[in-house]
Amino acid sequence: MVRRGTYSIVARDEQTGELGAAVQSHWFSVGSIVTWARPGVGAVCTQATAERAYGPRLLDALASGSAPSAALRSLLDADATAPFRQVAVIGADGPPAVWTGPRCMASAGHATGDAFSVQANLMDNEGVWPAMADAFTRSTGPLARRLLAALHAAEAAGGDARGRQSAALVVVPASGEPWDRVVELRVEDHDEPLDELERILTLHDAYTLATRGDDLTGEGRLAEAAEAYCAAAALAPGNHELLFWAGLAEFEHGDRELGLEQVRRAMAQQPGWRTVLARLEPDVAPSAAALLAALGE
């Protein structure tokens, strides 16, 4: 048996149909065991005496048409270790199902709403999961941010009695292939895993904008691509990759001096960007040659 003192959440965004799960624990790489999700199907957290098989088996049952409560009950009835388990599952519609076995280590419990379930075991106190439910209910914005708000509330209420070490977050779209993700992030080992998870979630958002810039460039919509690259760099100002593309876009479509200065800063951090700039074709970066000339190349 593998014990996981953990707090987690599964949830559905009622506006977008996205499904997600998030977790924090004082255990290495908790996300590799606890959180599971599949586009248009559902999300699962399996913890306490954790069994990975609950994740794919519950998602397969939901995909076959089972309700979360029936799917979970079927697995628990066949599981001699069910009293030590804590499992939550939510589908693409309807209420979640959750189980906190009587042998889960105190403090342990759960709380549910129409489109979420929060659950915790081996907590500092019994206020952790109600704080999570309240935070998720009151939060707004993208599902990933709402899940993270619930984790922060758990930690503020006392969290895992052993402290903190790792965290994870996964959000999938309302429909798509099994491998499709809106976001999937893990912090495997960190003194402040939730702060680190928030940092890399912001970086994820920045790279999502940069990817949008790449797509727009491929469509020849260079002015719109420039806006996306600049927005990405603004979210992650210390990232030299995003700084380079934002500077190139600024040079082409905005303030040439500012763009030149941004590209120089990116090259100061990573000289290889000079090589990249020299290799850019005119249909991708029409001003690459002019920018090289301005750099003194």
C-alpha atoms as a PDB file:
ATOM      1  CA  MET A   1       0.000   0.000   0.000  1.00  0.00           C
ATOM      2  CA  VAL A   2       1.199   3.491  -0.908  1.00  0.00           C
ATOM      3  CA  ARG A   3      -0.053   6.252   1.398  1.00  0.00           C
ATOM      4  CA  ARG A   4      -0.571   9.782   0.128  1.00  0.00           C
ATOM      5  CA  GLY A   5      -1.449  12.541   2.603  1.00  0.00           C
ATOM      6  CA  THR A   6      -3.070  14.858   0.130  1.00  0.00           C
ATOM      7  CA  TYR A   7      -5.590  17.576  -0.628  1.00  0.00           C
ATOM      8  CA  SER A   8      -7.102  17.749  -4.082  1.00  0.00           C
ATOM      9  CA  ILE A   9      -9.990  18.938  -6.237  1.00  0.00           C
ATOM     10  CA  VAL A  10     -11.842  17.696  -9.311  1.00  0.00           C
ATOM     11  CA  ALA A  11     -14.082  20.156 -11.121  1.00  0.00           C
ATOM     12  CA  ARG A  12     -15.978  21.054 -14.279  1.00  0.00           C
ATOM     13  CA  ASP A  13     -16.267  24.548 -15.748  1.00  0.00           C
ATOM     14  CA  GLU A  14     -19.973  24.985 -16.409  1.00  0.00           C
ATOM     15  CA  GLN A  15     -19.360  27.669 -19.065  1.00  0.00           C
ATOM     16  CA  THR A  16     -16.618  26.032 -21.141  1.00  0.00           C
ATOM     17  CA  GLY A  17     -17.141  22.354 -20.323  1.00  0.00           C
ATOM     18  CA  GLU A  18     -13.479  22.009 -19.363  1.00  0.00           C
ATOM     19  CA  LEU A  19     -12.654  19.351 -16.780  1.00  0.00           C
ATOM     20  CA  GLY A  20      -9.767  19.437 -14.357  1.00  0.00           C
ATOM     21  CA  ALA A  21      -8.003  18.156 -11.276  1.00  0.00           C
ATOM     22  CA  ALA A  22      -5.351  19.596  -8.976  1.00  0.00           C
ATOM     23  CA  VAL A  23      -3.418  18.333  -5.956  1.00  0.00           C
ATOM     24  CA  GLN A  24      -0.744  19.185  -3.388  1.00  0.00           C
ATOM     25  CA  SER A  25       1.019  16.845  -0.975  1.00  0.00           C
ATOM     26  CA  HIS A  26       4.152  16.291   1.057  1.00  0.00           C
ATOM     27  CA  TRP A  27       5.200  13.469  -1.241  1.00  0.00           C
ATOM     28  CA  PHE A  28       7.457  13.378  -4.269  1.00  0.00           C
ATOM     29  CA  SER A  29       5.740  13.621  -7.695  1.00  0.00           C
ATOM     30  CA  VAL A  30       2.191  13.428  -6.377  1.00  0.00           C
ATOM     31  CA  GLY A  31       0.743  14.377  -9.768  1.00  0.00           C
ATOM     32  CA  SER A  32       2.058  11.192 -11.376  1.00  0.00           C
ATOM     33  CA  ILE A  33      -0.365   9.200  -9.211  1.00  0.00           C
ATOM     34  CA  VAL A  34      -3.304  11.325  -8.083  1.00  0.00           C
ATOM     35  CA  THR A  35      -4.629  13.425 -11.010  1.00  0.00           C
ATOM     36  CA  TRP A  36      -6.321  12.049 -14.147  1.00  0.00           C
ATOM     37  CA  ALA A  37      -8.483  13.668 -16.827  1.00  0.00           C
ATOM     38  CA  ARG A  38      -9.838  12.957 -20.311  1.00  0.00           C
ATOM     39  CA  PRO A  39     -11.439  15.475 -22.699  1.00  0.00           C
ATOM     40  CA  GLY A  40     -15.231  15.324 -22.720  1.00  0.00           C
ATOM     41  CA  VAL A  41     -15.205  12.421 -20.259  1.00  0.00           C
ATOM     42  CA  GLY A  42     -14.164  13.399 -16.753  1.00  0.00           C
ATOM     43  CA  ALA A  43     -11.523  13.973 -14.103  1.00  0.00           C
ATOM     44  CA  VAL A  44     -10.356  11.822 -11.193  1.00  0.00           C
ATOM     45  CA  CYS A  45      -8.244  12.119  -8.052  1.00  0.00           C
ATOM     46  CA  THR A  46      -7.109   8.915  -6.313  1.00  0.00           C
ATOM     47  CA  GLN A  47      -5.265   9.341  -2.998  1.00  0.00           C
ATOM     48  CA  ALA A  48      -4.774   8.299   0.652  1.00  0.00           C
ATOM     49  CA  THR A  49      -3.806   4.663  -0.024  1.00  0.00           C
ATOM     50  CA  ALA A  50      -3.567   5.559  -3.683  1.00  0.00           C
ATOM     51  CA  GLU A  51      -4.247   3.193  -6.565  1.00  0.00           C
ATOM     52  CA  ARG A  52      -3.367   4.501 -10.020  1.00  0.00           C
ATOM     53  CA  ALA A  53      -5.797   2.089 -11.671  1.00  0.00           C
ATOM     54  CA  TYR A  54      -8.755   4.061 -10.331  1.00  0.00           C
ATOM     55  CA  GLY A  55      -7.894   6.892 -12.729  1.00  0.00           C
ATOM     56  CA  PRO A  56      -8.077   5.113 -16.098  1.00  0.00           C
ATOM     57  CA  ARG A  57     -10.729   2.636 -14.941  1.00  0.00           C
ATOM     58  CA  LEU A  58     -13.114   5.366 -13.805  1.00  0.00           C
ATOM     59  CA  LEU A  59     -12.539   7.360 -16.990  1.00  0.00           C
ATOM     60  CA  ASP A  60     -13.170   4.263 -19.110  1.00  0.00           C
ATOM     61  CA  ALA A  61     -16.413   3.641 -17.205  1.00  0.00           C
ATOM     62  CA  LEU A  62     -17.575   7.221 -17.738  1.00  0.00           C
ATOM     63  CA  ALA A  63     -16.712   7.001 -21.445  1.00  0.00           C
ATOM     64  CA  SER A  64     -18.879   3.874 -21.635  1.00  0.00           C
ATOM     65  CA  GLY A  65     -21.857   5.742 -20.199  1.00  0.00           C
ATOM     66  CA  SER A  66     -21.671   5.026 -16.471  1.00  0.00           C
ATOM     67  CA  ALA A  67     -22.525   7.765 -13.989  1.00  0.00           C
ATOM     68  CA  PRO A  68     -19.691   8.793 -11.632  1.00  0.00           C
ATOM     69  CA  SER A  69     -21.462   7.363  -8.575  1.00  0.00           C
ATOM     70  CA  ALA A  70     -22.072   3.967 -10.195  1.00  0.00           C
ATOM     71  CA  ALA A  71     -18.560   3.768 -11.633  1.00  0.00           C
ATOM     72  CA  LEU A  72     -16.956   4.565  -8.293  1.00  0.00           C
ATOM     73  CA  ARG A  73     -19.228   2.218  -6.352  1.00  0.00           C
ATOM     74  CA  SER A  74     -18.375  -0.651  -8.697  1.00  0.00           C
ATOM     75  CA  LEU A  75     -14.646  -0.238  -8.122  1.00  0.00           C
ATOM     76  CA  LEU A  76     -14.954   0.180  -4.365  1.00  0.00           C
ATOM     77  CA  ASP A  77     -17.157  -2.909  -4.012  1.00  0.00           C
ATOM     78  CA  ALA A  78     -14.437  -5.009  -5.631  1.00  0.00           C
ATOM     79  CA  ASP A  79     -11.603  -3.463  -3.606  1.00  0.00           C
ATOM     80  CA  ALA A  80     -10.630  -4.983  -0.260  1.00  0.00           C
ATOM     81  CA  THR A  81      -8.558  -1.859   0.472  1.00  0.00           C
ATOM     82  CA  ALA A  82     -11.479   0.530  -0.079  1.00  0.00           C
ATOM     83  CA  PRO A  83     -11.572   1.629   3.604  1.00  0.00           C
ATOM     84  CA  PHE A  84      -8.104   3.150   3.107  1.00  0.00           C
ATOM     85  CA  ARG A  85      -8.924   4.898  -0.171  1.00  0.00           C
ATOM     86  CA  GLN A  86      -9.994   8.444  -0.970  1.00  0.00           C
ATOM     87  CA  VAL A  87     -11.284   8.901  -4.524  1.00  0.00           C
ATOM     88  CA  ALA A  88     -13.229  11.610  -6.355  1.00  0.00           C
ATOM     89  CA  VAL A  89     -14.606  11.597  -9.897  1.00  0.00           C
ATOM     90  CA  ILE A  90     -16.574  14.085 -11.994  1.00  0.00           C
ATOM     91  CA  GLY A  91     -18.049  13.621 -15.439  1.00  0.00           C
ATOM     92  CA  ALA A  92     -18.913  15.873 -18.358  1.00  0.00           C
ATOM     93  CA  ASP A  93     -22.297  16.575 -16.737  1.00  0.00           C
ATOM     94  CA  GLY A  94     -24.062  15.886 -13.482  1.00  0.00           C
ATOM     95  CA  PRO A  95     -22.751  15.848  -9.907  1.00  0.00           C
ATOM     96  CA  PRO A  96     -19.413  14.371  -8.810  1.00  0.00           C
ATOM     97  CA  ALA A  97     -18.956  11.235  -6.721  1.00  0.00           C
ATOM     98  CA  VAL A  98     -16.486  10.970  -3.857  1.00  0.00           C
ATOM     99  CA  TRP A  99     -15.431   8.420  -1.253  1.00  0.00           C
ATOM    100  CA  THR A 100     -13.427   8.949   1.931  1.00  0.00           C
ATOM    101  CA  GLY A 101     -12.753   5.568   3.470  1.00  0.00           C
ATOM    102  CA  PRO A 102     -13.161   5.221   7.253  1.00  0.00           C
ATOM    103  CA  ARG A 103      -9.517   4.153   7.603  1.00  0.00           C
ATOM    104  CA  CYS A 104      -8.090   7.283   5.916  1.00  0.00           C
ATOM    105  CA  MET A 105      -5.762   9.082   8.302  1.00  0.00           C
ATOM    106  CA  ALA A 106      -7.242  12.050  10.160  1.00  0.00           C
ATOM    107  CA  SER A 107      -8.012  14.720   9.543  1.00  0.00           C
ATOM    108  CA  ALA A 108      -9.818  13.432   6.467  1.00  0.00           C
ATOM    109  CA  GLY A 109     -13.000  14.399   4.672  1.00  0.00           C
ATOM    110  CA  HIS A 110     -14.574  15.889   1.585  1.00  0.00           C
ATOM    111  CA  ALA A 111     -17.094  18.459   0.368  1.00  0.00           C
ATOM    112  CA  THR A 112     -18.955  18.695  -2.930  1.00  0.00           C
ATOM    113  CA  GLY A 113     -20.861  21.164  -5.090  1.00  0.00           C
ATOM    114  CA  ASP A 114     -22.798  20.800  -8.333  1.00  0.00           C
ATOM    115  CA  ALA A 115     -19.610  20.787 -10.395  1.00  0.00           C
ATOM    116  CA  PHE A 116     -16.734  20.040  -8.019  1.00  0.00           C
ATOM    117  CA  SER A 117     -15.463  17.848  -5.227  1.00  0.00           C
ATOM    118  CA  VAL A 118     -12.689  18.673  -2.753  1.00  0.00           C
ATOM    119  CA  GLN A 119     -11.105  15.988  -0.600  1.00  0.00           C
ATOM    120  CA  ALA A 120      -8.247  15.741   1.857  1.00  0.00           C
ATOM    121  CA  ASN A 121      -6.570  13.321   4.251  1.00  0.00           C
ATOM    122  CA  LEU A 122      -3.796  13.555   6.825  1.00  0.00           C
ATOM    123  CA  MET A 123      -4.574  17.260   7.195  1.00  0.00           C
ATOM    124  CA  ASP A 124      -3.601  19.623   9.964  1.00  0.00           C
ATOM    125  CA  ASN A 125      -7.283  20.210  10.814  1.00  0.00           C
ATOM    126  CA  GLU A 126     -10.842  19.665   9.594  1.00  0.00           C
ATOM    127  CA  GLY A 127     -11.143  23.156   8.153  1.00  0.00           C
ATOM    128  CA  VAL A 128      -9.012  22.397   5.091  1.00  0.00           C
ATOM    129  CA  TRP A 129     -11.578  20.937   2.698  1.00  0.00           C
ATOM    130  CA  PRO A 130     -14.367  23.429   3.597  1.00  0.00           C
ATOM    131  CA  ALA A 131     -11.887  26.239   2.861  1.00  0.00           C
ATOM    132  CA  MET A 132     -11.173  24.673  -0.528  1.00  0.00           C
ATOM    133  CA  ALA A 133     -14.871  24.433  -1.368  1.00  0.00           C
ATOM    134  CA  ASP A 134     -15.459  28.037  -0.389  1.00  0.00           C
ATOM    135  CA  ALA A 135     -12.487  29.307  -2.398  1.00  0.00           C
ATOM    136  CA  PHE A 136     -13.485  27.418  -5.526  1.00  0.00           C
ATOM    137  CA  THR A 137     -17.101  28.554  -5.280  1.00  0.00           C
ATOM    138  CA  ARG A 138     -16.119  32.208  -4.896  1.00  0.00           C
ATOM    139  CA  SER A 139     -13.358  32.220  -7.517  1.00  0.00           C
ATOM    140  CA  THR A 140     -13.719  33.397 -11.109  1.00  0.00           C
ATOM    141  CA  GLY A 141     -11.693  33.127 -14.306  1.00  0.00           C
ATOM    142  CA  PRO A 142     -10.234  30.118 -16.140  1.00  0.00           C
ATOM    143  CA  LEU A 143     -10.703  26.719 -14.535  1.00  0.00           C
ATOM    144  CA  ALA A 144      -6.956  26.286 -13.995  1.00  0.00           C
ATOM    145  CA  ARG A 145      -6.840  29.447 -11.883  1.00  0.00           C
ATOM    146  CA  ARG A 146      -9.900  28.395  -9.886  1.00  0.00           C
ATOM    147  CA  LEU A 147      -8.330  25.014  -9.131  1.00  0.00           C
ATOM    148  CA  LEU A 148      -5.173  26.744  -7.969  1.00  0.00           C
ATOM    149  CA  ALA A 149      -7.219  29.082  -5.763  1.00  0.00           C
ATOM    150  CA  ALA A 150      -8.674  26.038  -4.001  1.00  0.00           C
ATOM    151  CA  LEU A 151      -5.189  24.632  -3.370  1.00  0.00           C
ATOM    152  CA  HIS A 152      -3.974  27.949  -1.964  1.00  0.00           C
ATOM    153  CA  ALA A 153      -7.007  28.043   0.352  1.00  0.00           C
ATOM    154  CA  ALA A 154      -6.199  24.552   1.627  1.00  0.00           C
ATOM    155  CA  GLU A 155      -2.658  25.571   2.459  1.00  0.00           C
ATOM    156  CA  ALA A 156      -3.830  28.762   4.172  1.00  0.00           C
ATOM    157  CA  ALA A 157      -6.225  26.699   6.310  1.00  0.00           C
ATOM    158  CA  GLY A 158      -3.450  24.408   7.563  1.00  0.00           C
ATOM    159  CA  GLY A 159      -2.801  21.996   4.705  1.00  0.00           C
ATOM    160  CA  ASP A 160      -1.013  18.676   4.938  1.00  0.00           C
ATOM    161  CA  ALA A 161       0.117  17.979   8.500  1.00  0.00           C
ATOM    162  CA  ARG A 162       3.564  17.018   7.147  1.00  0.00           C
ATOM    163  CA  GLY A 163       4.063  20.191   5.127  1.00  0.00           C
ATOM    164  CA  ARG A 164       4.380  20.493   1.358  1.00  0.00           C
ATOM    165  CA  GLN A 165       6.559  19.093  -1.411  1.00  0.00           C
ATOM    166  CA  SER A 166       4.851  18.567  -4.760  1.00  0.00           C
ATOM    167  CA  ALA A 167       1.788  19.745  -6.674  1.00  0.00           C
ATOM    168  CA  ALA A 168       0.076  19.186 -10.002  1.00  0.00           C
ATOM    169  CA  LEU A 169      -2.714  20.575 -12.154  1.00  0.00           C
ATOM    170  CA  VAL A 170      -4.420  19.257 -15.273  1.00  0.00           C
ATOM    171  CA  VAL A 171      -7.263  20.772 -17.335  1.00  0.00           C
ATOM    172  CA  VAL A 172      -8.714  19.165 -20.466  1.00  0.00           C
ATOM    173  CA  PRO A 173     -11.096  20.603 -23.082  1.00  0.00           C
ATOM    174  CA  ALA A 174     -14.795  19.821 -23.369  1.00  0.00           C
ATOM    175  CA  SER A 175     -14.056  17.618 -26.366  1.00  0.00           C
ATOM    176  CA  GLY A 176     -11.036  16.300 -28.188  1.00  0.00           C
ATOM    177  CA  GLU A 177      -8.577  13.456 -28.430  1.00  0.00           C
ATOM    178  CA  PRO A 178      -7.577  11.630 -25.226  1.00  0.00           C
ATOM    179  CA  TRP A 179      -4.168  13.330 -25.245  1.00  0.00           C
ATOM    180  CA  ASP A 180      -5.501  16.888 -25.652  1.00  0.00           C
ATOM    181  CA  ARG A 181      -4.756  19.257 -22.773  1.00  0.00           C
ATOM    182  CA  VAL A 182      -5.586  22.862 -21.968  1.00  0.00           C
ATOM    183  CA  VAL A 183      -2.849  22.772 -19.358  1.00  0.00           C
ATOM    184  CA  GLU A 184      -0.884  20.019 -17.603  1.00  0.00           C
ATOM    185  CA  LEU A 185       1.770  21.026 -15.082  1.00  0.00           C
ATOM    186  CA  ARG A 186       3.683  19.319 -12.277  1.00  0.00           C
ATOM    187  CA  VAL A 187       6.006  20.508  -9.558  1.00  0.00           C
ATOM    188  CA  GLU A 188       7.787  17.362  -8.419  1.00  0.00           C
ATOM    189  CA  ASP A 189       9.852  18.662  -5.480  1.00  0.00           C
ATOM    190  CA  HIS A 190       9.895  22.227  -4.166  1.00  0.00           C
ATOM    191  CA  ASP A 191       9.900  24.106  -0.850  1.00  0.00           C
ATOM    192  CA  GLU A 192       6.851  26.087  -2.008  1.00  0.00           C
ATOM    193  CA  PRO A 193       5.144  23.923  -4.643  1.00  0.00           C
ATOM    194  CA  LEU A 194       2.000  26.043  -4.973  1.00  0.00           C
ATOM    195  CA  ASP A 195       3.968  29.230  -5.572  1.00  0.00           C
ATOM    196  CA  GLU A 196       6.030  27.389  -8.160  1.00  0.00           C
ATOM    197  CA  LEU A 197       2.891  25.938  -9.745  1.00  0.00           C
ATOM    198  CA  GLU A 198       1.457  29.435 -10.032  1.00  0.00           C
ATOM    199  CA  ARG A 199       4.692  30.707 -11.590  1.00  0.00           C
ATOM    200  CA  ILE A 200       4.790  28.027 -14.258  1.00  0.00           C
ATOM    201  CA  LEU A 201       1.054  28.408 -14.918  1.00  0.00           C
ATOM    202  CA  THR A 202       1.746  32.036 -15.791  1.00  0.00           C
ATOM    203  CA  LEU A 203       4.647  30.898 -17.983  1.00  0.00           C
ATOM    204  CA  HIS A 204       2.306  28.393 -19.625  1.00  0.00           C
ATOM    205  CA  ASP A 205      -0.129  31.217 -20.392  1.00  0.00           C
ATOM    206  CA  ALA A 206       2.716  33.240 -21.891  1.00  0.00           C
ATOM    207  CA  TYR A 207       3.806  30.400 -24.157  1.00  0.00           C
ATOM    208  CA  THR A 208       0.192  29.820 -25.180  1.00  0.00           C
ATOM    209  CA  LEU A 209       0.165  33.423 -26.433  1.00  0.00           C
ATOM    210  CA  ALA A 210       3.494  32.876 -28.190  1.00  0.00           C
ATOM    211  CA  THR A 211       2.113  29.769 -29.878  1.00  0.00           C
ATOM    212  CA  ARG A 212      -0.811  31.863 -31.043  1.00  0.00           C
ATOM    213  CA  GLY A 213       1.758  34.259 -32.479  1.00  0.00           C
ATOM    214  CA  ASP A 214       3.409  31.400 -34.359  1.00  0.00           C
ATOM    215  CA  ASP A 215       0.052  30.311 -35.786  1.00  0.00           C
ATOM    216  CA  LEU A 216      -0.759  33.850 -36.901  1.00  0.00           C
ATOM    217  CA  THR A 217       2.673  34.158 -38.507  1.00  0.00           C
ATOM    218  CA  GLY A 218       2.010  30.992 -40.474  1.00  0.00           C
ATOM    219  CA  GLU A 219      -1.230  32.568 -41.713  1.00  0.00           C
ATOM    220  CA  GLY A 220       0.606  35.713 -42.772  1.00  0.00           C
ATOM    221  CA  ARG A 221      -1.161  37.829 -40.149  1.00  0.00           C
ATOM    222  CA  LEU A 222       2.048  39.396 -38.925  1.00  0.00           C
ATOM    223  CA  ALA A 223       0.620  42.452 -37.157  1.00  0.00           C
ATOM    224  CA  GLU A 224      -1.686  40.254 -35.048  1.00  0.00           C
ATOM    225  CA  ALA A 225       1.214  37.884 -34.385  1.00  0.00           C
ATOM    226  CA  ALA A 226       3.230  40.827 -33.106  1.00  0.00           C
ATOM    227  CA  GLU A 227       0.511  41.655 -30.595  1.00  0.00           C
ATOM    228  CA  ALA A 228       0.489  38.069 -29.344  1.00  0.00           C
ATOM    229  CA  TYR A 229       4.288  37.950 -28.985  1.00  0.00           C
ATOM    230  CA  CYS A 230       4.351  41.235 -27.074  1.00  0.00           C
ATOM    231  CA  ALA A 231       1.584  40.066 -24.738  1.00  0.00           C
ATOM    232  CA  ALA A 232       3.528  36.848 -24.098  1.00  0.00           C
ATOM    233  CA  ALA A 233       6.703  38.742 -23.199  1.00  0.00           C
ATOM    234  CA  ALA A 234       4.739  41.015 -20.864  1.00  0.00           C
ATOM    235  CA  LEU A 235       3.546  37.973 -18.896  1.00  0.00           C
ATOM    236  CA  ALA A 236       7.076  36.563 -18.552  1.00  0.00           C
ATOM    237  CA  PRO A 237       9.483  39.499 -18.843  1.00  0.00           C
ATOM    238  CA  GLY A 238      12.536  37.506 -17.744  1.00  0.00           C
ATOM    239  CA  ASN A 239      12.222  34.904 -20.497  1.00  0.00           C
ATOM    240  CA  HIS A 240      14.724  35.585 -23.301  1.00  0.00           C
ATOM    241  CA  GLU A 241      12.856  33.472 -25.863  1.00  0.00           C
ATOM    242  CA  LEU A 242       9.677  35.511 -25.490  1.00  0.00           C
ATOM    243  CA  LEU A 243      11.699  38.711 -25.275  1.00  0.00           C
ATOM    244  CA  PHE A 244      13.389  37.970 -28.614  1.00  0.00           C
ATOM    245  CA  TRP A 245      10.152  37.349 -30.509  1.00  0.00           C
ATOM    246  CA  ALA A 246       8.476  40.337 -28.901  1.00  0.00           C
ATOM    247  CA  GLY A 247      11.453  42.524 -29.856  1.00  0.00           C
ATOM    248  CA  LEU A 248      11.401  41.273 -33.427  1.00  0.00           C
ATOM    249  CA  ALA A 249       7.661  41.974 -33.640  1.00  0.00           C
ATOM    250  CA  GLU A 250       8.097  45.417 -32.097  1.00  0.00           C
ATOM    251  CA  PHE A 251      10.865  46.257 -34.581  1.00  0.00           C
ATOM    252  CA  GLU A 252       8.650  45.224 -37.496  1.00  0.00           C
ATOM    253  CA  HIS A 253       5.336  46.735 -36.435  1.00  0.00           C
ATOM    254  CA  GLY A 254       5.887  49.242 -33.655  1.00  0.00           C
ATOM    255  CA  ASP A 255       8.709  51.074 -31.939  1.00  0.00           C
ATOM    256  CA  ARG A 256      11.889  50.108 -33.818  1.00  0.00           C
ATOM    257  CA  GLU A 257      14.211  51.383 -31.087  1.00  0.00           C
ATOM    258  CA  LEU A 258      12.344  49.470 -28.392  1.00  0.00           C
ATOM    259  CA  GLY A 259      12.368  46.330 -30.536  1.00  0.00           C
ATOM    260  CA  LEU A 260      16.086  46.674 -31.139  1.00  0.00           C
ATOM    261  CA  GLU A 261      16.736  47.094 -27.422  1.00  0.00           C
ATOM    262  CA  GLN A 262      14.627  43.998 -26.591  1.00  0.00           C
ATOM    263  CA  VAL A 263      16.456  41.849 -29.134  1.00  0.00           C
ATOM    264  CA  ARG A 264      19.806  43.045 -27.765  1.00  0.00           C
ATOM    265  CA  ARG A 265      18.704  42.073 -24.246  1.00  0.00           C
ATOM    266  CA  ALA A 266      17.638  38.636 -25.439  1.00  0.00           C
ATOM    267  CA  MET A 267      20.994  38.144 -27.181  1.00  0.00           C
ATOM    268  CA  ALA A 268      22.845  39.247 -24.056  1.00  0.00           C
ATOM    269  CA  GLN A 269      21.146  36.408 -22.179  1.00  0.00           C
ATOM    270  CA  GLN A 270      21.483  33.879 -25.017  1.00  0.00           C
ATOM    271  CA  PRO A 271      23.905  34.746 -27.860  1.00  0.00           C
ATOM    272  CA  GLY A 272      22.388  32.009 -30.017  1.00  0.00           C
ATOM    273  CA  TRP A 273      19.513  34.320 -30.895  1.00  0.00           C
ATOM    274  CA  ARG A 274      21.887  36.140 -33.252  1.00  0.00           C
ATOM    275  CA  THR A 275      22.241  32.913 -35.227  1.00  0.00           C
ATOM    276  CA  VAL A 276      18.472  32.411 -35.227  1.00  0.00           C
ATOM    277  CA  LEU A 277      17.899  35.941 -36.481  1.00  0.00           C
ATOM    278  CA  ALA A 278      20.293  35.403 -39.402  1.00  0.00           C
ATOM    279  CA  ARG A 279      18.374  32.282 -40.435  1.00  0.00           C
ATOM    280  CA  LEU A 280      14.867  33.777 -40.464  1.00  0.00           C
ATOM    281  CA  GLU A 281      13.258  33.870 -43.904  1.00  0.00           C
ATOM    282  CA  PRO A 282      11.542  37.076 -45.105  1.00  0.00           C
ATOM    283  CA  ASP A 283       8.083  35.464 -45.110  1.00  0.00           C
ATOM    284  CA  VAL A 284       8.486  34.782 -41.378  1.00  0.00           C
ATOM    285  CA  ALA A 285      10.348  37.939 -40.365  1.00  0.00           C
ATOM    286  CA  PRO A 286      10.364  40.578 -43.132  1.00  0.00           C
ATOM    287  CA  SER A 287      12.539  42.897 -41.085  1.00  0.00           C
ATOM    288  CA  ALA A 288      15.169  40.365 -40.047  1.00  0.00           C
ATOM    289  CA  ALA A 289      17.783  41.716 -42.446  1.00  0.00           C
ATOM    290  CA  ALA A 290      17.096  45.312 -41.344  1.00  0.00           C
ATOM    291  CA  LEU A 291      17.334  44.276 -37.724  1.00  0.00           C
ATOM    292  CA  LEU A 292      20.657  42.545 -38.343  1.00  0.00           C
ATOM    293  CA  ALA A 293      21.893  45.712 -40.028  1.00  0.00           C
ATOM    294  CA  ALA A 294      20.736  47.790 -37.080  1.00  0.00           C
ATOM    295  CA  LEU A 295      22.645  45.456 -34.771  1.00  0.00           C
ATOM    296  CA  GLY A 296      25.759  46.104 -36.824  1.00  0.00           C
ATOM    297  CA  GLU A 297      25.840  42.705 -38.556  1.00  0.00           C
END
